[in-house]
Amino acid sequence: LLERFKLDQGKEPQHYAIGFKELWQVPKEQHQS
């Protein structure tokens, strides 16, 4: 749709990052809610 309707005309290019995430269960004594 951006290309068809030229919605980004006159705008700077979009910039991106890649985000990594892991979910861990850690020992109680190392956890600080």
PDB file of all heavy atoms in Angstrom:
ATOM      1  N   LEU A   1       0.823  -1.208   0.000  1.00  0.00           N
ATOM      2  CA  LEU A   1       0.000   0.000   0.000  1.00  0.00           C
ATOM      3  C   LEU A   1       0.860   1.262   0.000  1.00  0.00           C
ATOM      4  O   LEU A   1       0.510   2.263  -0.643  1.00  0.00           O
ATOM      5  CB  LEU A   1      -0.936  -0.017   1.203  1.00  0.00           C
ATOM      6  CG  LEU A   1      -2.005  -1.107   1.166  1.00  0.00           C
ATOM      7  CD1 LEU A   1      -2.619  -1.308   2.547  1.00  0.00           C
ATOM      8  CD2 LEU A   1      -3.088  -0.764   0.143  1.00  0.00           C
ATOM      9  N   LEU A   2       1.978   1.229   0.712  1.00  0.00           N
ATOM     10  CA  LEU A   2       2.905   2.360   0.687  1.00  0.00           C
ATOM     11  C   LEU A   2       3.339   2.666  -0.736  1.00  0.00           C
ATOM     12  O   LEU A   2       3.378   3.827  -1.155  1.00  0.00           O
ATOM     13  CB  LEU A   2       4.135   2.045   1.548  1.00  0.00           C
ATOM     14  CG  LEU A   2       3.983   2.146   3.066  1.00  0.00           C
ATOM     15  CD1 LEU A   2       5.198   1.536   3.751  1.00  0.00           C
ATOM     16  CD2 LEU A   2       3.835   3.603   3.497  1.00  0.00           C
ATOM     17  N   GLU A   3       3.659   1.612  -1.474  1.00  0.00           N
ATOM     18  CA  GLU A   3       4.132   1.795  -2.849  1.00  0.00           C
ATOM     19  C   GLU A   3       2.998   2.203  -3.782  1.00  0.00           C
ATOM     20  O   GLU A   3       3.156   3.124  -4.594  1.00  0.00           O
ATOM     21  CB  GLU A   3       4.785   0.503  -3.345  1.00  0.00           C
ATOM     22  CG  GLU A   3       5.345   0.599  -4.743  1.00  0.00           C
ATOM     23  CD  GLU A   3       6.045  -0.677  -5.173  1.00  0.00           C
ATOM     24  OE1 GLU A   3       6.186  -1.609  -4.346  1.00  0.00           O
ATOM     25  OE2 GLU A   3       6.457  -0.758  -6.352  1.00  0.00           O
ATOM     26  N   ARG A   4       1.860   1.553  -3.660  1.00  0.00           N
ATOM     27  CA  ARG A   4       0.754   1.820  -4.588  1.00  0.00           C
ATOM     28  C   ARG A   4       0.245   3.253  -4.465  1.00  0.00           C
ATOM     29  O   ARG A   4       0.003   3.938  -5.471  1.00  0.00           O
ATOM     30  CB  ARG A   4      -0.391   0.847  -4.325  1.00  0.00           C
ATOM     31  CG  ARG A   4      -1.584   1.028  -5.269  1.00  0.00           C
ATOM     32  CD  ARG A   4      -2.722   0.093  -4.910  1.00  0.00           C
ATOM     33  NE  ARG A   4      -3.844   0.218  -5.819  1.00  0.00           N
ATOM     34  CZ  ARG A   4      -4.128  -0.622  -6.790  1.00  0.00           C
ATOM     35  NH1 ARG A   4      -3.342  -1.675  -7.012  1.00  0.00           N
ATOM     36  NH2 ARG A   4      -5.185  -0.437  -7.571  1.00  0.00           N
ATOM     37  N   PHE A   5       0.096   3.720  -3.215  1.00  0.00           N
ATOM     38  CA  PHE A   5      -0.470   5.051  -2.991  1.00  0.00           C
ATOM     39  C   PHE A   5       0.595   6.110  -2.698  1.00  0.00           C
ATOM     40  O   PHE A   5       0.250   7.249  -2.366  1.00  0.00           O
ATOM     41  CB  PHE A   5      -1.483   4.999  -1.843  1.00  0.00           C
ATOM     42  CG  PHE A   5      -2.715   4.199  -2.156  1.00  0.00           C
ATOM     43  CD1 PHE A   5      -2.944   2.986  -1.529  1.00  0.00           C
ATOM     44  CD2 PHE A   5      -3.646   4.657  -3.081  1.00  0.00           C
ATOM     45  CE1 PHE A   5      -4.090   2.236  -1.805  1.00  0.00           C
ATOM     46  CE2 PHE A   5      -4.788   3.919  -3.370  1.00  0.00           C
ATOM     47  CZ  PHE A   5      -5.011   2.711  -2.731  1.00  0.00           C
ATOM     48  N   LYS A   6       1.889   5.696  -2.810  1.00  0.00           N
ATOM     49  CA  LYS A   6       3.002   6.634  -2.585  1.00  0.00           C
ATOM     50  C   LYS A   6       2.856   7.345  -1.234  1.00  0.00           C
ATOM     51  O   LYS A   6       3.045   8.557  -1.122  1.00  0.00           O
ATOM     52  CB  LYS A   6       3.099   7.638  -3.731  1.00  0.00           C
ATOM     53  CG  LYS A   6       3.411   6.989  -5.075  1.00  0.00           C
ATOM     54  CD  LYS A   6       3.510   8.012  -6.196  1.00  0.00           C
ATOM     55  CE  LYS A   6       4.016   7.389  -7.493  1.00  0.00           C
ATOM     56  NZ  LYS A   6       3.229   6.241  -7.935  1.00  0.00           N
ATOM     57  N   LEU A   7       2.538   6.568  -0.206  1.00  0.00           N
ATOM     58  CA  LEU A   7       2.262   7.132   1.106  1.00  0.00           C
ATOM     59  C   LEU A   7       3.518   7.667   1.787  1.00  0.00           C
ATOM     60  O   LEU A   7       3.421   8.495   2.708  1.00  0.00           O
ATOM     61  CB  LEU A   7       1.606   6.076   2.001  1.00  0.00           C
ATOM     62  CG  LEU A   7       0.286   5.489   1.486  1.00  0.00           C
ATOM     63  CD1 LEU A   7      -0.195   4.383   2.421  1.00  0.00           C
ATOM     64  CD2 LEU A   7      -0.776   6.578   1.353  1.00  0.00           C
ATOM     65  N   ASP A   8       4.691   7.194   1.358  1.00  0.00           N
ATOM     66  CA  ASP A   8       5.933   7.664   1.975  1.00  0.00           C
ATOM     67  C   ASP A   8       6.662   8.693   1.111  1.00  0.00           C
ATOM     68  O   ASP A   8       7.829   8.997   1.372  1.00  0.00           O
ATOM     69  CB  ASP A   8       6.855   6.486   2.280  1.00  0.00           C
ATOM     70  CG  ASP A   8       7.131   5.615   1.051  1.00  0.00           C
ATOM     71  OD1 ASP A   8       6.558   5.900  -0.023  1.00  0.00           O
ATOM     72  OD2 ASP A   8       7.911   4.654   1.168  1.00  0.00           O
ATOM     73  N   GLN A   9       5.968   9.224   0.122  1.00  0.00           N
ATOM     74  CA  GLN A   9       6.597  10.221  -0.743  1.00  0.00           C
ATOM     75  C   GLN A   9       6.958  11.461   0.077  1.00  0.00           C
ATOM     76  O   GLN A   9       6.155  11.995   0.840  1.00  0.00           O
ATOM     77  CB  GLN A   9       5.650  10.606  -1.876  1.00  0.00           C
ATOM     78  CG  GLN A   9       6.292  11.424  -2.977  1.00  0.00           C
ATOM     79  CD  GLN A   9       5.366  11.556  -4.177  1.00  0.00           C
ATOM     80  OE1 GLN A   9       4.172  11.808  -4.034  1.00  0.00           O
ATOM     81  NE2 GLN A   9       5.903  11.366  -5.371  1.00  0.00           N
ATOM     82  N   GLY A  10       8.197  11.924  -0.103  1.00  0.00           N
ATOM     83  CA  GLY A  10       8.663  13.089   0.633  1.00  0.00           C
ATOM     84  C   GLY A  10       9.100  12.800   2.050  1.00  0.00           C
ATOM     85  O   GLY A  10       9.475  13.727   2.779  1.00  0.00           O
ATOM     86  N   LYS A  11       9.062  11.538   2.463  1.00  0.00           N
ATOM     87  CA  LYS A  11       9.464  11.149   3.814  1.00  0.00           C
ATOM     88  C   LYS A  11      10.872  10.541   3.785  1.00  0.00           C
ATOM     89  O   LYS A  11      11.346  10.062   2.754  1.00  0.00           O
ATOM     90  CB  LYS A  11       8.487  10.130   4.398  1.00  0.00           C
ATOM     91  CG  LYS A  11       7.051  10.605   4.427  1.00  0.00           C
ATOM     92  CD  LYS A  11       6.837  11.706   5.436  1.00  0.00           C
ATOM     93  CE  LYS A  11       5.364  12.084   5.539  1.00  0.00           C
ATOM     94  NZ  LYS A  11       5.129  13.117   6.582  1.00  0.00           N
ATOM     95  N   GLU A  12      11.528  10.549   4.922  1.00  0.00           N
ATOM     96  CA  GLU A  12      12.793   9.841   5.025  1.00  0.00           C
ATOM     97  C   GLU A  12      12.530   8.339   5.048  1.00  0.00           C
ATOM     98  O   GLU A  12      11.431   7.895   5.394  1.00  0.00           O
ATOM     99  CB  GLU A  12      13.536  10.262   6.300  1.00  0.00           C
ATOM    100  CG  GLU A  12      14.050  11.684   6.232  1.00  0.00           C
ATOM    101  CD  GLU A  12      14.986  12.024   7.370  1.00  0.00           C
ATOM    102  OE1 GLU A  12      15.256  11.142   8.212  1.00  0.00           O
ATOM    103  OE2 GLU A  12      15.443  13.184   7.414  1.00  0.00           O
ATOM    104  N   PRO A  13      13.521   7.526   4.650  1.00  0.00           N
ATOM    105  CA  PRO A  13      13.293   6.079   4.675  1.00  0.00           C
ATOM    106  C   PRO A  13      13.042   5.593   6.097  1.00  0.00           C
ATOM    107  O   PRO A  13      13.605   6.138   7.062  1.00  0.00           O
ATOM    108  CB  PRO A  13      14.602   5.502   4.110  1.00  0.00           C
ATOM    109  CG  PRO A  13      15.621   6.574   4.296  1.00  0.00           C
ATOM    110  CD  PRO A  13      14.875   7.865   4.169  1.00  0.00           C
ATOM    111  N   GLN A  14      12.170   4.608   6.208  1.00  0.00           N
ATOM    112  CA  GLN A  14      11.956   3.998   7.520  1.00  0.00           C
ATOM    113  C   GLN A  14      13.249   3.311   7.956  1.00  0.00           C
ATOM    114  O   GLN A  14      13.977   2.755   7.136  1.00  0.00           O
ATOM    115  CB  GLN A  14      10.821   2.980   7.454  1.00  0.00           C
ATOM    116  CG  GLN A  14      10.436   2.356   8.777  1.00  0.00           C
ATOM    117  CD  GLN A  14       9.951   3.376   9.779  1.00  0.00           C
ATOM    118  OE1 GLN A  14      10.729   3.858  10.598  1.00  0.00           O
ATOM    119  NE2 GLN A  14       8.670   3.718   9.712  1.00  0.00           N
ATOM    120  N   HIS A  15      13.533   3.359   9.249  1.00  0.00           N
ATOM    121  CA  HIS A  15      14.699   2.664   9.796  1.00  0.00           C
ATOM    122  C   HIS A  15      14.220   1.577  10.747  1.00  0.00           C
ATOM    123  O   HIS A  15      13.141   1.671  11.341  1.00  0.00           O
ATOM    124  CB  HIS A  15      15.631   3.644  10.496  1.00  0.00           C
ATOM    125  CG  HIS A  15      16.283   4.605   9.556  1.00  0.00           C
ATOM    126  ND1 HIS A  15      17.333   4.256   8.734  1.00  0.00           N
ATOM    127  CD2 HIS A  15      16.011   5.905   9.269  1.00  0.00           C
ATOM    128  CE1 HIS A  15      17.691   5.297   8.003  1.00  0.00           C
ATOM    129  NE2 HIS A  15      16.888   6.310   8.302  1.00  0.00           N
ATOM    130  N   TYR A  16      15.058   0.550  10.875  1.00  0.00           N
ATOM    131  CA  TYR A  16      14.648  -0.648  11.590  1.00  0.00           C
ATOM    132  C   TYR A  16      15.749  -1.149  12.512  1.00  0.00           C
ATOM    133  O   TYR A  16      16.932  -0.807  12.354  1.00  0.00           O
ATOM    134  CB  TYR A  16      14.289  -1.775  10.607  1.00  0.00           C
ATOM    135  CG  TYR A  16      13.206  -1.440   9.626  1.00  0.00           C
ATOM    136  CD1 TYR A  16      13.504  -0.866   8.387  1.00  0.00           C
ATOM    137  CD2 TYR A  16      11.867  -1.696   9.917  1.00  0.00           C
ATOM    138  CE1 TYR A  16      12.500  -0.568   7.479  1.00  0.00           C
ATOM    139  CE2 TYR A  16      10.864  -1.402   9.010  1.00  0.00           C
ATOM    140  CZ  TYR A  16      11.188  -0.831   7.792  1.00  0.00           C
ATOM    141  OH  TYR A  16      10.194  -0.534   6.893  1.00  0.00           O
ATOM    142  N   ALA A  17      15.357  -1.976  13.438  1.00  0.00           N
ATOM    143  CA  ALA A  17      16.283  -2.760  14.253  1.00  0.00           C
ATOM    144  C   ALA A  17      15.735  -4.175  14.323  1.00  0.00           C
ATOM    145  O   ALA A  17      14.562  -4.420  14.005  1.00  0.00           O
ATOM    146  CB  ALA A  17      16.413  -2.171  15.658  1.00  0.00           C
ATOM    147  N   ILE A  18      16.587  -5.111  14.709  1.00  0.00           N
ATOM    148  CA  ILE A  18      16.098  -6.444  15.056  1.00  0.00           C
ATOM    149  C   ILE A  18      16.222  -6.588  16.565  1.00  0.00           C
ATOM    150  O   ILE A  18      17.265  -6.281  17.159  1.00  0.00           O
ATOM    151  CB  ILE A  18      16.863  -7.574  14.325  1.00  0.00           C
ATOM    152  CG1 ILE A  18      16.304  -8.940  14.761  1.00  0.00           C
ATOM    153  CG2 ILE A  18      18.370  -7.482  14.518  1.00  0.00           C
ATOM    154  CD1 ILE A  18      16.835 -10.110  13.976  1.00  0.00           C
ATOM    155  N   GLY A  19      15.132  -6.997  17.182  1.00  0.00           N
ATOM    156  CA  GLY A  19      15.107  -7.185  18.624  1.00  0.00           C
ATOM    157  C   GLY A  19      15.029  -8.657  18.979  1.00  0.00           C
ATOM    158  O   GLY A  19      14.174  -9.383  18.466  1.00  0.00           O
ATOM    159  N   PHE A  20      15.951  -9.118  19.823  1.00  0.00           N
ATOM    160  CA  PHE A  20      15.947 -10.497  20.317  1.00  0.00           C
ATOM    161  C   PHE A  20      15.412 -10.501  21.747  1.00  0.00           C
ATOM    162  O   PHE A  20      15.643  -9.570  22.517  1.00  0.00           O
ATOM    163  CB  PHE A  20      17.362 -11.079  20.341  1.00  0.00           C
ATOM    164  CG  PHE A  20      17.981 -11.238  18.991  1.00  0.00           C
ATOM    165  CD1 PHE A  20      18.651 -10.186  18.395  1.00  0.00           C
ATOM    166  CD2 PHE A  20      17.904 -12.439  18.311  1.00  0.00           C
ATOM    167  CE1 PHE A  20      19.229 -10.324  17.149  1.00  0.00           C
ATOM    168  CE2 PHE A  20      18.477 -12.591  17.058  1.00  0.00           C
ATOM    169  CZ  PHE A  20      19.139 -11.525  16.480  1.00  0.00           C
ATOM    170  N   LYS A  21      14.739 -11.566  22.092  1.00  0.00           N
ATOM    171  CA  LYS A  21      14.247 -11.708  23.455  1.00  0.00           C
ATOM    172  C   LYS A  21      14.231 -13.177  23.854  1.00  0.00           C
ATOM    173  O   LYS A  21      13.864 -14.044  23.063  1.00  0.00           O
ATOM    174  CB  LYS A  21      12.836 -11.136  23.602  1.00  0.00           C
ATOM    175  CG  LYS A  21      12.224 -11.339  24.994  1.00  0.00           C
ATOM    176  CD  LYS A  21      10.797 -10.825  25.075  1.00  0.00           C
ATOM    177  CE  LYS A  21      10.169 -11.125  26.419  1.00  0.00           C
ATOM    178  NZ  LYS A  21       8.782 -10.637  26.524  1.00  0.00           N
ATOM    179  N   GLU A  22      14.651 -13.424  25.083  1.00  0.00           N
ATOM    180  CA  GLU A  22      14.478 -14.727  25.712  1.00  0.00           C
ATOM    181  C   GLU A  22      13.769 -14.537  27.046  1.00  0.00           C
ATOM    182  O   GLU A  22      13.987 -13.538  27.739  1.00  0.00           O
ATOM    183  CB  GLU A  22      15.825 -15.421  25.942  1.00  0.00           C
ATOM    184  CG  GLU A  22      16.505 -15.849  24.659  1.00  0.00           C
ATOM    185  CD  GLU A  22      17.879 -16.442  24.884  1.00  0.00           C
ATOM    186  OE1 GLU A  22      18.401 -16.378  26.025  1.00  0.00           O
ATOM    187  OE2 GLU A  22      18.441 -16.961  23.911  1.00  0.00           O
ATOM    188  N   LEU A  23      12.945 -15.496  27.390  1.00  0.00           N
ATOM    189  CA  LEU A  23      12.272 -15.514  28.692  1.00  0.00           C
ATOM    190  C   LEU A  23      12.915 -16.595  29.542  1.00  0.00           C
ATOM    191  O   LEU A  23      13.057 -17.746  29.093  1.00  0.00           O
ATOM    192  CB  LEU A  23      10.781 -15.790  28.506  1.00  0.00           C
ATOM    193  CG  LEU A  23       9.894 -15.628  29.738  1.00  0.00           C
ATOM    194  CD1 LEU A  23       9.855 -14.166  30.180  1.00  0.00           C
ATOM    195  CD2 LEU A  23       8.479 -16.132  29.445  1.00  0.00           C
ATOM    196  N   TRP A  24      13.345 -16.206  30.741  1.00  0.00           N
ATOM    197  CA  TRP A  24      14.048 -17.119  31.640  1.00  0.00           C
ATOM    198  C   TRP A  24      13.301 -17.248  32.976  1.00  0.00           C
ATOM    199  O   TRP A  24      12.705 -16.294  33.449  1.00  0.00           O
ATOM    200  CB  TRP A  24      15.448 -16.579  31.944  1.00  0.00           C
ATOM    201  CG  TRP A  24      16.441 -16.758  30.829  1.00  0.00           C
ATOM    202  CD1 TRP A  24      16.411 -16.188  29.590  1.00  0.00           C
ATOM    203  CD2 TRP A  24      17.628 -17.550  30.879  1.00  0.00           C
ATOM    204  NE1 TRP A  24      17.490 -16.571  28.859  1.00  0.00           N
ATOM    205  CE2 TRP A  24      18.271 -17.405  29.622  1.00  0.00           C
ATOM    206  CE3 TRP A  24      18.228 -18.349  31.850  1.00  0.00           C
ATOM    207  CZ2 TRP A  24      19.474 -18.040  29.314  1.00  0.00           C
ATOM    208  CZ3 TRP A  24      19.425 -18.990  31.554  1.00  0.00           C
ATOM    209  CH2 TRP A  24      20.039 -18.841  30.303  1.00  0.00           C
ATOM    210  N   GLN A  25      13.374 -18.445  33.545  1.00  0.00           N
ATOM    211  CA  GLN A  25      12.987 -18.674  34.935  1.00  0.00           C
ATOM    212  C   GLN A  25      14.278 -18.716  35.741  1.00  0.00           C
ATOM    213  O   GLN A  25      15.145 -19.571  35.490  1.00  0.00           O
ATOM    214  CB  GLN A  25      12.235 -19.999  35.088  1.00  0.00           C
ATOM    215  CG  GLN A  25      11.676 -20.251  36.481  1.00  0.00           C
ATOM    216  CD  GLN A  25      10.378 -19.519  36.725  1.00  0.00           C
ATOM    217  OE1 GLN A  25       9.454 -19.583  35.923  1.00  0.00           O
ATOM    218  NE2 GLN A  25      10.299 -18.814  37.853  1.00  0.00           N
ATOM    219  N   VAL A  26      14.454 -17.806  36.674  1.00  0.00           N
ATOM    220  CA  VAL A  26      15.733 -17.700  37.374  1.00  0.00           C
ATOM    221  C   VAL A  26      15.556 -18.042  38.851  1.00  0.00           C
ATOM    222  O   VAL A  26      14.438 -17.993  39.390  1.00  0.00           O
ATOM    223  CB  VAL A  26      16.327 -16.273  37.221  1.00  0.00           C
ATOM    224  CG1 VAL A  26      16.507 -15.928  35.752  1.00  0.00           C
ATOM    225  CG2 VAL A  26      15.466 -15.226  37.923  1.00  0.00           C
ATOM    226  N   PRO A  27      16.658 -18.398  39.525  1.00  0.00           N
ATOM    227  CA  PRO A  27      16.565 -18.704  40.953  1.00  0.00           C
ATOM    228  C   PRO A  27      16.000 -17.525  41.754  1.00  0.00           C
ATOM    229  O   PRO A  27      16.267 -16.362  41.442  1.00  0.00           O
ATOM    230  CB  PRO A  27      18.019 -18.991  41.338  1.00  0.00           C
ATOM    231  CG  PRO A  27      18.658 -19.477  40.068  1.00  0.00           C
ATOM    232  CD  PRO A  27      18.007 -18.679  38.980  1.00  0.00           C
ATOM    233  N   LYS A  28      15.260 -17.847  42.780  1.00  0.00           N
ATOM    234  CA  LYS A  28      14.546 -16.846  43.560  1.00  0.00           C
ATOM    235  C   LYS A  28      15.485 -15.779  44.112  1.00  0.00           C
ATOM    236  O   LYS A  28      15.160 -14.579  44.120  1.00  0.00           O
ATOM    237  CB  LYS A  28      13.793 -17.538  44.690  1.00  0.00           C
ATOM    238  CG  LYS A  28      12.959 -16.604  45.551  1.00  0.00           C
ATOM    239  CD  LYS A  28      12.203 -17.378  46.624  1.00  0.00           C
ATOM    240  CE  LYS A  28      11.366 -16.445  47.487  1.00  0.00           C
ATOM    241  NZ  LYS A  28      10.616 -17.204  48.544  1.00  0.00           N
ATOM    242  N   GLU A  29      16.667 -16.186  44.551  1.00  0.00           N
ATOM    243  CA  GLU A  29      17.583 -15.229  45.168  1.00  0.00           C
ATOM    244  C   GLU A  29      18.192 -14.259  44.157  1.00  0.00           C
ATOM    245  O   GLU A  29      18.790 -13.241  44.545  1.00  0.00           O
ATOM    246  CB  GLU A  29      18.700 -15.973  45.914  1.00  0.00           C
ATOM    247  CG  GLU A  29      19.588 -16.842  45.038  1.00  0.00           C
ATOM    248  CD  GLU A  29      19.042 -18.255  44.845  1.00  0.00           C
ATOM    249  OE1 GLU A  29      17.841 -18.475  45.165  1.00  0.00           O
ATOM    250  OE2 GLU A  29      19.815 -19.120  44.392  1.00  0.00           O
ATOM    251  N   GLN A  30      18.049 -14.539  42.868  1.00  0.00           N
ATOM    252  CA  GLN A  30      18.586 -13.651  41.827  1.00  0.00           C
ATOM    253  C   GLN A  30      17.506 -12.764  41.221  1.00  0.00           C
ATOM    254  O   GLN A  30      17.788 -11.959  40.332  1.00  0.00           O
ATOM    255  CB  GLN A  30      19.252 -14.481  40.716  1.00  0.00           C
ATOM    256  CG  GLN A  30      20.480 -15.227  41.174  1.00  0.00           C
ATOM    257  CD  GLN A  30      20.912 -16.343  40.250  1.00  0.00           C
ATOM    258  OE1 GLN A  30      21.557 -17.301  40.666  1.00  0.00           O
ATOM    259  NE2 GLN A  30      20.556 -16.251  38.978  1.00  0.00           N
ATOM    260  N   HIS A  31      16.294 -12.900  41.688  1.00  0.00           N
ATOM    261  CA  HIS A  31      15.175 -12.192  41.077  1.00  0.00           C
ATOM    262  C   HIS A  31      14.795 -10.973  41.900  1.00  0.00           C
ATOM    263  O   HIS A  31      14.709 -11.031  43.128  1.00  0.00           O
ATOM    264  CB  HIS A  31      13.969 -13.130  40.954  1.00  0.00           C
ATOM    265  CG  HIS A  31      12.818 -12.540  40.215  1.00  0.00           C
ATOM    266  ND1 HIS A  31      11.689 -12.042  40.840  1.00  0.00           N
ATOM    267  CD2 HIS A  31      12.627 -12.346  38.892  1.00  0.00           C
ATOM    268  CE1 HIS A  31      10.850 -11.591  39.936  1.00  0.00           C
ATOM    269  NE2 HIS A  31      11.399 -11.752  38.745  1.00  0.00           N
ATOM    270  N   GLN A  32      14.586  -9.846  41.209  1.00  0.00           N
ATOM    271  CA  GLN A  32      14.175  -8.601  41.868  1.00  0.00           C
ATOM    272  C   GLN A  32      12.968  -8.041  41.116  1.00  0.00           C
ATOM    273  O   GLN A  32      13.132  -7.306  40.141  1.00  0.00           O
ATOM    274  CB  GLN A  32      15.323  -7.591  41.876  1.00  0.00           C
ATOM    275  CG  GLN A  32      16.566  -8.055  42.608  1.00  0.00           C
ATOM    276  CD  GLN A  32      17.668  -7.020  42.595  1.00  0.00           C
ATOM    277  OE1 GLN A  32      17.411  -5.828  42.749  1.00  0.00           O
ATOM    278  NE2 GLN A  32      18.894  -7.467  42.393  1.00  0.00           N
ATOM    279  N   SER A  33      11.794  -8.402  41.523  1.00  0.00           N
ATOM    280  CA  SER A  33      10.573  -8.043  40.805  1.00  0.00           C
ATOM    281  C   SER A  33      10.514  -6.540  40.519  1.00  0.00           C
ATOM    282  O   SER A  33      10.690  -5.718  41.421  1.00  0.00           O
ATOM    283  CB  SER A  33       9.351  -8.458  41.615  1.00  0.00           C
ATOM    284  OG  SER A  33       8.154  -8.128  40.933  1.00  0.00           O
TER     285      SER A  33
END
